[in-house]
């Protein structure tokens, strides 16, 4: 309790802030973000490749890197992360 009081007196929070992971936009390259966004639109690797005019192997490589950076294993997890990040924030 004393530490919390000392922090408030020093102009800081009573409880230390919890470290939150960086948003996907800070972790991913521009191309990785593009591909992640297209995954959330429901496109397959082949459709993403055609849209971006790249090989489906390149799409697969980017997705493997995205999954590794975000510590996820499935497309649905990627969709959840991207959707939550793009959700409007309530004021307050």
PDB file of N, CA and C in Angstrom:
ATOM      1  N   UNK A   1       0.825  -1.195   0.000  1.00  0.00           N
ATOM      2  CA  UNK A   1       0.000   0.000   0.000  1.00  0.00           C
ATOM      3  C   UNK A   1       0.865   1.252   0.000  1.00  0.00           C
ATOM      4  N   UNK A   2       1.939   1.207   0.756  1.00  0.00           N
ATOM      5  CA  UNK A   2       2.814   2.365   0.816  1.00  0.00           C
ATOM      6  C   UNK A   2       3.394   2.686  -0.555  1.00  0.00           C
ATOM      7  N   UNK A   3       3.770   1.672  -1.312  1.00  0.00           N
ATOM      8  CA  UNK A   3       4.299   1.912  -2.650  1.00  0.00           C
ATOM      9  C   UNK A   3       3.271   2.605  -3.528  1.00  0.00           C
ATOM     10  N   UNK A   4       2.003   2.204  -3.432  1.00  0.00           N
ATOM     11  CA  UNK A   4       0.948   2.835  -4.220  1.00  0.00           C
ATOM     12  C   UNK A   4       0.814   4.299  -3.838  1.00  0.00           C
ATOM     13  N   UNK A   5       0.852   4.603  -2.544  1.00  0.00           N
ATOM     14  CA  UNK A   5       0.752   5.991  -2.080  1.00  0.00           C
ATOM     15  C   UNK A   5       1.939   6.799  -2.579  1.00  0.00           C
ATOM     16  N   UNK A   6       3.117   6.230  -2.493  1.00  0.00           N
ATOM     17  CA  UNK A   6       4.314   6.923  -2.978  1.00  0.00           C
ATOM     18  C   UNK A   6       4.216   7.211  -4.471  1.00  0.00           C
ATOM     19  N   UNK A   7       3.676   6.258  -5.230  1.00  0.00           N
ATOM     20  CA  UNK A   7       3.530   6.467  -6.675  1.00  0.00           C
ATOM     21  C   UNK A   7       2.544   7.597  -6.966  1.00  0.00           C
ATOM     22  N   UNK A   8       1.443   7.653  -6.234  1.00  0.00           N
ATOM     23  CA  UNK A   8       0.450   8.714  -6.448  1.00  0.00           C
ATOM     24  C   UNK A   8       1.054  10.066  -6.113  1.00  0.00           C
ATOM     25  N   UNK A   9       1.783  10.154  -5.015  1.00  0.00           N
ATOM     26  CA  UNK A   9       2.427  11.411  -4.618  1.00  0.00           C
ATOM     27  C   UNK A   9       3.428  11.851  -5.680  1.00  0.00           C
ATOM     28  N   UNK A  10       4.096  10.904  -6.286  1.00  0.00           N
ATOM     29  CA  UNK A  10       5.079  11.217  -7.326  1.00  0.00           C
ATOM     30  C   UNK A  10       4.418  11.538  -8.662  1.00  0.00           C
ATOM     31  N   UNK A  11       3.080  11.481  -8.700  1.00  0.00           N
ATOM     32  CA  UNK A  11       2.373  11.821  -9.934  1.00  0.00           C
ATOM     33  C   UNK A  11       2.196  10.658 -10.877  1.00  0.00           C
ATOM     34  N   UNK A  12       2.392   9.452 -10.390  1.00  0.00           N
ATOM     35  CA  UNK A  12       2.225   8.269 -11.227  1.00  0.00           C
ATOM     36  C   UNK A  12       0.971   7.524 -10.806  1.00  0.00           C
ATOM     37  N   UNK A  13       0.657   6.482 -11.545  1.00  0.00           N
ATOM     38  CA  UNK A  13      -0.515   5.656 -11.231  1.00  0.00           C
ATOM     39  C   UNK A  13      -0.293   4.898  -9.925  1.00  0.00           C
ATOM     40  N   UNK A  14      -1.391   4.628  -9.237  1.00  0.00           N
ATOM     41  CA  UNK A  14      -1.312   3.858  -7.998  1.00  0.00           C
ATOM     42  C   UNK A  14      -0.912   2.417  -8.275  1.00  0.00           C
ATOM     43  N   UNK A  15      -1.367   1.896  -9.395  1.00  0.00           N
ATOM     44  CA  UNK A  15      -0.977   0.539  -9.777  1.00  0.00           C
ATOM     45  C   UNK A  15      -0.186   0.629 -11.071  1.00  0.00           C
ATOM     46  N   UNK A  16       0.875  -0.122 -11.183  1.00  0.00           N
ATOM     47  CA  UNK A  16       1.658  -0.073 -12.422  1.00  0.00           C
ATOM     48  C   UNK A  16       0.806  -0.516 -13.609  1.00  0.00           C
ATOM     49  N   UNK A  17       1.088   0.067 -14.756  1.00  0.00           N
ATOM     50  CA  UNK A  17       0.340  -0.317 -15.948  1.00  0.00           C
ATOM     51  C   UNK A  17       0.769  -1.703 -16.394  1.00  0.00           C
ATOM     52  N   UNK A  18      -0.167  -2.427 -16.944  1.00  0.00           N
ATOM     53  CA  UNK A  18       0.108  -3.766 -17.450  1.00  0.00           C
ATOM     54  C   UNK A  18       0.616  -3.634 -18.872  1.00  0.00           C
ATOM     55  N   UNK A  19       1.666  -4.371 -19.184  1.00  0.00           N
ATOM     56  CA  UNK A  19       2.213  -4.336 -20.542  1.00  0.00           C
ATOM     57  C   UNK A  19       1.238  -5.025 -21.482  1.00  0.00           C
ATOM     58  N   UNK A  20       0.813  -4.306 -22.505  1.00  0.00           N
ATOM     59  CA  UNK A  20      -0.068  -4.902 -23.502  1.00  0.00           C
ATOM     60  C   UNK A  20       0.718  -5.106 -24.785  1.00  0.00           C
ATOM     61  N   UNK A  21       0.433  -6.165 -25.518  1.00  0.00           N
ATOM     62  CA  UNK A  21       1.161  -6.399 -26.758  1.00  0.00           C
ATOM     63  C   UNK A  21       0.919  -5.284 -27.765  1.00  0.00           C
ATOM     64  N   UNK A  22       1.907  -5.050 -28.597  1.00  0.00           N
ATOM     65  CA  UNK A  22       1.776  -4.024 -29.631  1.00  0.00           C
ATOM     66  C   UNK A  22       0.684  -4.424 -30.613  1.00  0.00           C
ATOM     67  N   UNK A  23      -0.054  -3.437 -31.126  1.00  0.00           N
ATOM     68  CA  UNK A  23      -1.068  -3.764 -32.130  1.00  0.00           C
ATOM     69  C   UNK A  23      -0.421  -4.372 -33.369  1.00  0.00           C
ATOM     70  N   UNK A  24      -1.220  -5.083 -34.121  1.00  0.00           N
ATOM     71  CA  UNK A  24      -0.681  -5.757 -35.300  1.00  0.00           C
ATOM     72  C   UNK A  24      -0.036  -4.772 -36.261  1.00  0.00           C
ATOM     73  N   UNK A  25      -0.534  -3.545 -36.313  1.00  0.00           N
ATOM     74  CA  UNK A  25       0.016  -2.571 -37.255  1.00  0.00           C
ATOM     75  C   UNK A  25       1.468  -2.233 -36.945  1.00  0.00           C
ATOM     76  N   UNK A  26       1.879  -2.381 -35.697  1.00  0.00           N
ATOM     77  CA  UNK A  26       3.262  -2.093 -35.334  1.00  0.00           C
ATOM     78  C   UNK A  26       4.170  -3.304 -35.521  1.00  0.00           C
ATOM     79  N   UNK A  27       3.604  -4.487 -35.501  1.00  0.00           N
ATOM     80  CA  UNK A  27       4.406  -5.707 -35.607  1.00  0.00           C
ATOM     81  C   UNK A  27       4.619  -6.159 -37.042  1.00  0.00           C
ATOM     82  N   UNK A  28       3.680  -5.837 -37.908  1.00  0.00           N
ATOM     83  CA  UNK A  28       3.675  -6.397 -39.257  1.00  0.00           C
ATOM     84  C   UNK A  28       4.146  -5.388 -40.296  1.00  0.00           C
ATOM     85  N   UNK A  29       4.761  -5.906 -41.351  1.00  0.00           N
ATOM     86  CA  UNK A  29       5.144  -5.064 -42.483  1.00  0.00           C
ATOM     87  C   UNK A  29       3.882  -4.648 -43.242  1.00  0.00           C
ATOM     88  N   UNK A  30       4.027  -3.710 -44.140  1.00  0.00           N
ATOM     89  CA  UNK A  30       2.893  -3.249 -44.938  1.00  0.00           C
ATOM     90  C   UNK A  30       2.268  -4.407 -45.709  1.00  0.00           C
ATOM     91  N   UNK A  31       3.086  -5.229 -46.352  1.00  0.00           N
ATOM     92  CA  UNK A  31       2.563  -6.359 -47.132  1.00  0.00           C
ATOM     93  C   UNK A  31       1.874  -7.372 -46.222  1.00  0.00           C
ATOM     94  N   UNK A  32       2.447  -7.628 -45.058  1.00  0.00           N
ATOM     95  CA  UNK A  32       1.822  -8.555 -44.112  1.00  0.00           C
ATOM     96  C   UNK A  32       0.467  -8.026 -43.648  1.00  0.00           C
ATOM     97  N   UNK A  33       0.375  -6.718 -43.426  1.00  0.00           N
ATOM     98  CA  UNK A  33      -0.918  -6.119 -43.035  1.00  0.00           C
ATOM     99  C   UNK A  33      -1.931  -6.232 -44.161  1.00  0.00           C
ATOM    100  N   UNK A  34      -1.486  -6.017 -45.405  1.00  0.00           N
ATOM    101  CA  UNK A  34      -2.388  -6.168 -46.554  1.00  0.00           C
ATOM    102  C   UNK A  34      -2.953  -7.579 -46.614  1.00  0.00           C
ATOM    103  N   UNK A  35      -2.079  -8.545 -46.473  1.00  0.00           N
ATOM    104  CA  UNK A  35      -2.497  -9.943 -46.551  1.00  0.00           C
ATOM    105  C   UNK A  35      -3.415 -10.287 -45.383  1.00  0.00           C
ATOM    106  N   UNK A  36      -3.089  -9.815 -44.197  1.00  0.00           N
ATOM    107  CA  UNK A  36      -3.946 -10.061 -43.028  1.00  0.00           C
ATOM    108  C   UNK A  36      -5.339  -9.488 -43.253  1.00  0.00           C
ATOM    109  N   UNK A  37      -5.407  -8.295 -43.825  1.00  0.00           N
ATOM    110  CA  UNK A  37      -6.704  -7.670 -44.097  1.00  0.00           C
ATOM    111  C   UNK A  37      -7.494  -8.491 -45.111  1.00  0.00           C
ATOM    112  N   UNK A  38      -6.831  -9.000 -46.129  1.00  0.00           N
ATOM    113  CA  UNK A  38      -7.520  -9.815 -47.131  1.00  0.00           C
ATOM    114  C   UNK A  38      -7.990 -11.148 -46.547  1.00  0.00           C
ATOM    115  N   UNK A  39      -7.239 -11.686 -45.603  1.00  0.00           N
ATOM    116  CA  UNK A  39      -7.681 -12.902 -44.909  1.00  0.00           C
ATOM    117  C   UNK A  39      -8.985 -12.618 -44.178  1.00  0.00           C
ATOM    118  N   UNK A  40      -9.078 -11.450 -43.544  1.00  0.00           N
ATOM    119  CA  UNK A  40     -10.306 -11.118 -42.806  1.00  0.00           C
ATOM    120  C   UNK A  40     -11.492 -10.922 -43.742  1.00  0.00           C
ATOM    121  N   UNK A  41     -11.221 -10.665 -45.010  1.00  0.00           N
ATOM    122  CA  UNK A  41     -12.301 -10.550 -46.003  1.00  0.00           C
ATOM    123  C   UNK A  41     -12.742 -11.924 -46.501  1.00  0.00           C
ATOM    124  N   UNK A  42     -12.070 -12.971 -46.040  1.00  0.00           N
ATOM    125  CA  UNK A  42     -12.459 -14.327 -46.408  1.00  0.00           C
ATOM    126  C   UNK A  42     -11.780 -14.879 -47.646  1.00  0.00           C
ATOM    127  N   UNK A  43     -10.753 -14.188 -48.142  1.00  0.00           N
ATOM    128  CA  UNK A  43     -10.069 -14.664 -49.340  1.00  0.00           C
ATOM    129  C   UNK A  43      -9.137 -15.826 -49.015  1.00  0.00           C
ATOM    130  N   UNK A  44      -9.034 -16.752 -49.955  1.00  0.00           N
ATOM    131  CA  UNK A  44      -8.085 -17.865 -49.840  1.00  0.00           C
ATOM    132  C   UNK A  44      -6.693 -17.364 -50.232  1.00  0.00           C
ATOM    133  N   UNK A  45      -5.680 -18.180 -49.976  1.00  0.00           N
ATOM    134  CA  UNK A  45      -4.322 -17.805 -50.384  1.00  0.00           C
ATOM    135  C   UNK A  45      -4.250 -17.556 -51.885  1.00  0.00           C
ATOM    136  N   UNK A  46      -4.912 -18.417 -52.661  1.00  0.00           N
ATOM    137  CA  UNK A  46      -4.906 -18.269 -54.118  1.00  0.00           C
ATOM    138  C   UNK A  46      -5.567 -16.951 -54.523  1.00  0.00           C
ATOM    139  N   UNK A  47      -6.686 -16.607 -53.891  1.00  0.00           N
ATOM    140  CA  UNK A  47      -7.381 -15.352 -54.218  1.00  0.00           C
ATOM    141  C   UNK A  47      -6.559 -14.140 -53.803  1.00  0.00           C
ATOM    142  N   UNK A  48      -5.890 -14.231 -52.664  1.00  0.00           N
ATOM    143  CA  UNK A  48      -5.018 -13.142 -52.219  1.00  0.00           C
ATOM    144  C   UNK A  48      -3.879 -12.966 -53.217  1.00  0.00           C
ATOM    145  N   UNK A  49      -3.296 -14.072 -53.657  1.00  0.00           N
ATOM    146  CA  UNK A  49      -2.203 -14.026 -54.633  1.00  0.00           C
ATOM    147  C   UNK A  49      -2.656 -13.350 -55.921  1.00  0.00           C
ATOM    148  N   UNK A  50      -3.841 -13.699 -56.403  1.00  0.00           N
ATOM    149  CA  UNK A  50      -4.363 -13.087 -57.629  1.00  0.00           C
ATOM    150  C   UNK A  50      -4.632 -11.599 -57.426  1.00  0.00           C
ATOM    151  N   UNK A  51      -5.175 -11.239 -56.272  1.00  0.00           N
ATOM    152  CA  UNK A  51      -5.476  -9.837 -55.977  1.00  0.00           C
ATOM    153  C   UNK A  51      -4.210  -8.991 -55.944  1.00  0.00           C
ATOM    154  N   UNK A  52      -3.166  -9.511 -55.301  1.00  0.00           N
ATOM    155  CA  UNK A  52      -1.919  -8.757 -55.137  1.00  0.00           C
ATOM    156  C   UNK A  52      -0.905  -9.018 -56.245  1.00  0.00           C
ATOM    157  N   UNK A  53      -1.255  -9.930 -57.161  1.00  0.00           N
ATOM    158  CA  UNK A  53      -0.373 -10.297 -58.274  1.00  0.00           C
ATOM    159  C   UNK A  53       0.978 -10.810 -57.802  1.00  0.00           C
ATOM    160  N   UNK A  54       0.878 -11.742 -56.842  1.00  0.00           N
ATOM    161  CA  UNK A  54       2.065 -12.418 -56.334  1.00  0.00           C
ATOM    162  C   UNK A  54       1.774 -13.919 -56.319  1.00  0.00           C
ATOM    163  N   UNK A  55       2.786 -14.709 -56.076  1.00  0.00           N
ATOM    164  CA  UNK A  55       2.633 -16.164 -56.024  1.00  0.00           C
ATOM    165  C   UNK A  55       1.872 -16.583 -54.768  1.00  0.00           C
ATOM    166  N   UNK A  56       1.112 -17.673 -54.875  1.00  0.00           N
ATOM    167  CA  UNK A  56       0.430 -18.181 -53.680  1.00  0.00           C
ATOM    168  C   UNK A  56       1.449 -18.675 -52.654  1.00  0.00           C
ATOM    169  N   UNK A  57       2.650 -19.041 -53.126  1.00  0.00           N
ATOM    170  CA  UNK A  57       3.718 -19.433 -52.200  1.00  0.00           C
ATOM    171  C   UNK A  57       4.179 -18.222 -51.387  1.00  0.00           C
ATOM    172  N   UNK A  58       4.222 -17.064 -52.016  1.00  0.00           N
ATOM    173  CA  UNK A  58       4.604 -15.839 -51.315  1.00  0.00           C
ATOM    174  C   UNK A  58       3.565 -15.496 -50.256  1.00  0.00           C
ATOM    175  N   UNK A  59       2.295 -15.655 -50.601  1.00  0.00           N
ATOM    176  CA  UNK A  59       1.218 -15.416 -49.627  1.00  0.00           C
ATOM    177  C   UNK A  59       1.398 -16.353 -48.436  1.00  0.00           C
ATOM    178  N   UNK A  60       1.651 -17.609 -48.719  1.00  0.00           N
ATOM    179  CA  UNK A  60       1.843 -18.601 -47.661  1.00  0.00           C
ATOM    180  C   UNK A  60       3.013 -18.231 -46.750  1.00  0.00           C
ATOM    181  N   UNK A  61       4.102 -17.773 -47.351  1.00  0.00           N
ATOM    182  CA  UNK A  61       5.272 -17.354 -46.573  1.00  0.00           C
ATOM    183  C   UNK A  61       4.935 -16.167 -45.681  1.00  0.00           C
ATOM    184  N   UNK A  62       4.257 -15.171 -46.242  1.00  0.00           N
ATOM    185  CA  UNK A  62       3.859 -14.002 -45.446  1.00  0.00           C
ATOM    186  C   UNK A  62       2.959 -14.421 -44.287  1.00  0.00           C
ATOM    187  N   UNK A  63       2.012 -15.303 -44.549  1.00  0.00           N
ATOM    188  CA  UNK A  63       1.105 -15.737 -43.482  1.00  0.00           C
ATOM    189  C   UNK A  63       1.845 -16.498 -42.385  1.00  0.00           C
ATOM    190  N   UNK A  64       2.810 -17.325 -42.756  1.00  0.00           N
ATOM    191  CA  UNK A  64       3.611 -18.020 -41.738  1.00  0.00           C
ATOM    192  C   UNK A  64       4.325 -17.011 -40.849  1.00  0.00           C
ATOM    193  N   UNK A  65       4.866 -15.966 -41.454  1.00  0.00           N
ATOM    194  CA  UNK A  65       5.564 -14.931 -40.679  1.00  0.00           C
ATOM    195  C   UNK A  65       4.597 -14.154 -39.796  1.00  0.00           C
ATOM    196  N   UNK A  66       3.418 -13.847 -40.329  1.00  0.00           N
ATOM    197  CA  UNK A  66       2.389 -13.148 -39.547  1.00  0.00           C
ATOM    198  C   UNK A  66       2.007 -13.991 -38.334  1.00  0.00           C
ATOM    199  N   UNK A  67       1.742 -15.268 -38.567  1.00  0.00           N
ATOM    200  CA  UNK A  67       1.355 -16.158 -37.472  1.00  0.00           C
ATOM    201  C   UNK A  67       2.454 -16.217 -36.412  1.00  0.00           C
ATOM    202  N   UNK A  68       3.701 -16.293 -36.847  1.00  0.00           N
ATOM    203  CA  UNK A  68       4.823 -16.355 -35.901  1.00  0.00           C
ATOM    204  C   UNK A  68       4.931 -15.058 -35.100  1.00  0.00           C
ATOM    205  N   UNK A  69       4.834 -13.920 -35.778  1.00  0.00           N
ATOM    206  CA  UNK A  69       4.951 -12.629 -35.092  1.00  0.00           C
ATOM    207  C   UNK A  69       3.831 -12.415 -34.082  1.00  0.00           C
ATOM    208  N   UNK A  70       2.634 -12.888 -34.415  1.00  0.00           N
ATOM    209  CA  UNK A  70       1.475 -12.673 -33.547  1.00  0.00           C
ATOM    210  C   UNK A  70       1.230 -13.845 -32.600  1.00  0.00           C
ATOM    211  N   UNK A  71       2.072 -14.866 -32.706  1.00  0.00           N
ATOM    212  CA  UNK A  71       1.964 -16.056 -31.863  1.00  0.00           C
ATOM    213  C   UNK A  71       0.572 -16.686 -31.962  1.00  0.00           C
ATOM    214  N   UNK A  72       0.145 -16.899 -33.195  1.00  0.00           N
ATOM    215  CA  UNK A  72      -1.143 -17.538 -33.462  1.00  0.00           C
ATOM    216  C   UNK A  72      -0.925 -18.699 -34.424  1.00  0.00           C
ATOM    217  N   UNK A  73      -1.964 -19.525 -34.592  1.00  0.00           N
ATOM    218  CA  UNK A  73      -1.825 -20.707 -35.442  1.00  0.00           C
ATOM    219  C   UNK A  73      -2.891 -20.826 -36.514  1.00  0.00           C
ATOM    220  N   UNK A  74      -3.956 -20.050 -36.418  1.00  0.00           N
ATOM    221  CA  UNK A  74      -5.072 -20.232 -37.339  1.00  0.00           C
ATOM    222  C   UNK A  74      -5.557 -18.903 -37.901  1.00  0.00           C
ATOM    223  N   UNK A  75      -6.143 -18.973 -39.092  1.00  0.00           N
ATOM    224  CA  UNK A  75      -6.662 -17.787 -39.769  1.00  0.00           C
ATOM    225  C   UNK A  75      -7.747 -17.102 -38.941  1.00  0.00           C
ATOM    226  N   UNK A  76      -8.564 -17.899 -38.265  1.00  0.00           N
ATOM    227  CA  UNK A  76      -9.645 -17.319 -37.470  1.00  0.00           C
ATOM    228  C   UNK A  76      -9.078 -16.456 -36.334  1.00  0.00           C
ATOM    229  N   UNK A  77      -7.938 -16.851 -35.776  1.00  0.00           N
ATOM    230  CA  UNK A  77      -7.293 -16.039 -34.742  1.00  0.00           C
ATOM    231  C   UNK A  77      -6.810 -14.718 -35.333  1.00  0.00           C
ATOM    232  N   UNK A  78      -6.276 -14.775 -36.543  1.00  0.00           N
ATOM    233  CA  UNK A  78      -5.839 -13.562 -37.232  1.00  0.00           C
ATOM    234  C   UNK A  78      -7.026 -12.642 -37.476  1.00  0.00           C
ATOM    235  N   UNK A  79      -8.127 -13.205 -37.926  1.00  0.00           N
ATOM    236  CA  UNK A  79      -9.338 -12.407 -38.167  1.00  0.00           C
ATOM    237  C   UNK A  79      -9.795 -11.722 -36.887  1.00  0.00           C
ATOM    238  N   UNK A  80      -9.771 -12.456 -35.787  1.00  0.00           N
ATOM    239  CA  UNK A  80     -10.189 -11.887 -34.509  1.00  0.00           C
ATOM    240  C   UNK A  80      -9.295 -10.711 -34.115  1.00  0.00           C
ATOM    241  N   UNK A  81      -7.982 -10.880 -34.259  1.00  0.00           N
ATOM    242  CA  UNK A  81      -7.050  -9.811 -33.901  1.00  0.00           C
ATOM    243  C   UNK A  81      -7.247  -8.574 -34.767  1.00  0.00           C
ATOM    244  N   UNK A  82      -7.322  -8.772 -36.070  1.00  0.00           N
ATOM    245  CA  UNK A  82      -7.464  -7.643 -36.996  1.00  0.00           C
ATOM    246  C   UNK A  82      -8.802  -6.948 -36.779  1.00  0.00           C
ATOM    247  N   UNK A  83      -9.862  -7.716 -36.604  1.00  0.00           N
ATOM    248  CA  UNK A  83     -11.189  -7.136 -36.398  1.00  0.00           C
ATOM    249  C   UNK A  83     -11.230  -6.336 -35.107  1.00  0.00           C
ATOM    250  N   UNK A  84     -10.662  -6.875 -34.032  1.00  0.00           N
ATOM    251  CA  UNK A  84     -10.646  -6.157 -32.753  1.00  0.00           C
ATOM    252  C   UNK A  84      -9.828  -4.884 -32.836  1.00  0.00           C
ATOM    253  N   UNK A  85      -8.739  -4.915 -33.585  1.00  0.00           N
ATOM    254  CA  UNK A  85      -7.897  -3.724 -33.709  1.00  0.00           C
ATOM    255  C   UNK A  85      -8.595  -2.630 -34.509  1.00  0.00           C
ATOM    256  N   UNK A  86      -9.403  -3.021 -35.488  1.00  0.00           N
ATOM    257  CA  UNK A  86     -10.086  -2.046 -36.336  1.00  0.00           C
ATOM    258  C   UNK A  86     -11.439  -1.619 -35.785  1.00  0.00           C
ATOM    259  N   UNK A  87     -11.857  -2.211 -34.676  1.00  0.00           N
ATOM    260  CA  UNK A  87     -13.160  -1.866 -34.101  1.00  0.00           C
ATOM    261  C   UNK A  87     -13.126  -0.437 -33.576  1.00  0.00           C
ATOM    262  N   UNK A  88     -14.232   0.286 -33.740  1.00  0.00           N
ATOM    263  CA  UNK A  88     -14.265   1.655 -33.220  1.00  0.00           C
ATOM    264  C   UNK A  88     -14.178   1.654 -31.699  1.00  0.00           C
ATOM    265  N   UNK A  89     -13.482   2.620 -31.159  1.00  0.00           N
ATOM    266  CA  UNK A  89     -13.327   2.745 -29.709  1.00  0.00           C
ATOM    267  C   UNK A  89     -14.438   3.633 -29.160  1.00  0.00           C
ATOM    268  N   UNK A  90     -14.986   3.230 -28.038  1.00  0.00           N
ATOM    269  CA  UNK A  90     -16.015   4.042 -27.390  1.00  0.00           C
ATOM    270  C   UNK A  90     -15.353   5.187 -26.644  1.00  0.00           C
ATOM    271  N   UNK A  91     -15.944   6.382 -26.685  1.00  0.00           N
ATOM    272  CA  UNK A  91     -15.356   7.507 -25.956  1.00  0.00           C
ATOM    273  C   UNK A  91     -15.449   7.274 -24.451  1.00  0.00           C
ATOM    274  N   UNK A  92     -14.487   7.838 -23.750  1.00  0.00           N
ATOM    275  CA  UNK A  92     -14.555   7.749 -22.284  1.00  0.00           C
ATOM    276  C   UNK A  92     -13.459   7.036 -21.755  1.00  0.00           C
TER     277      UNK A  92
END
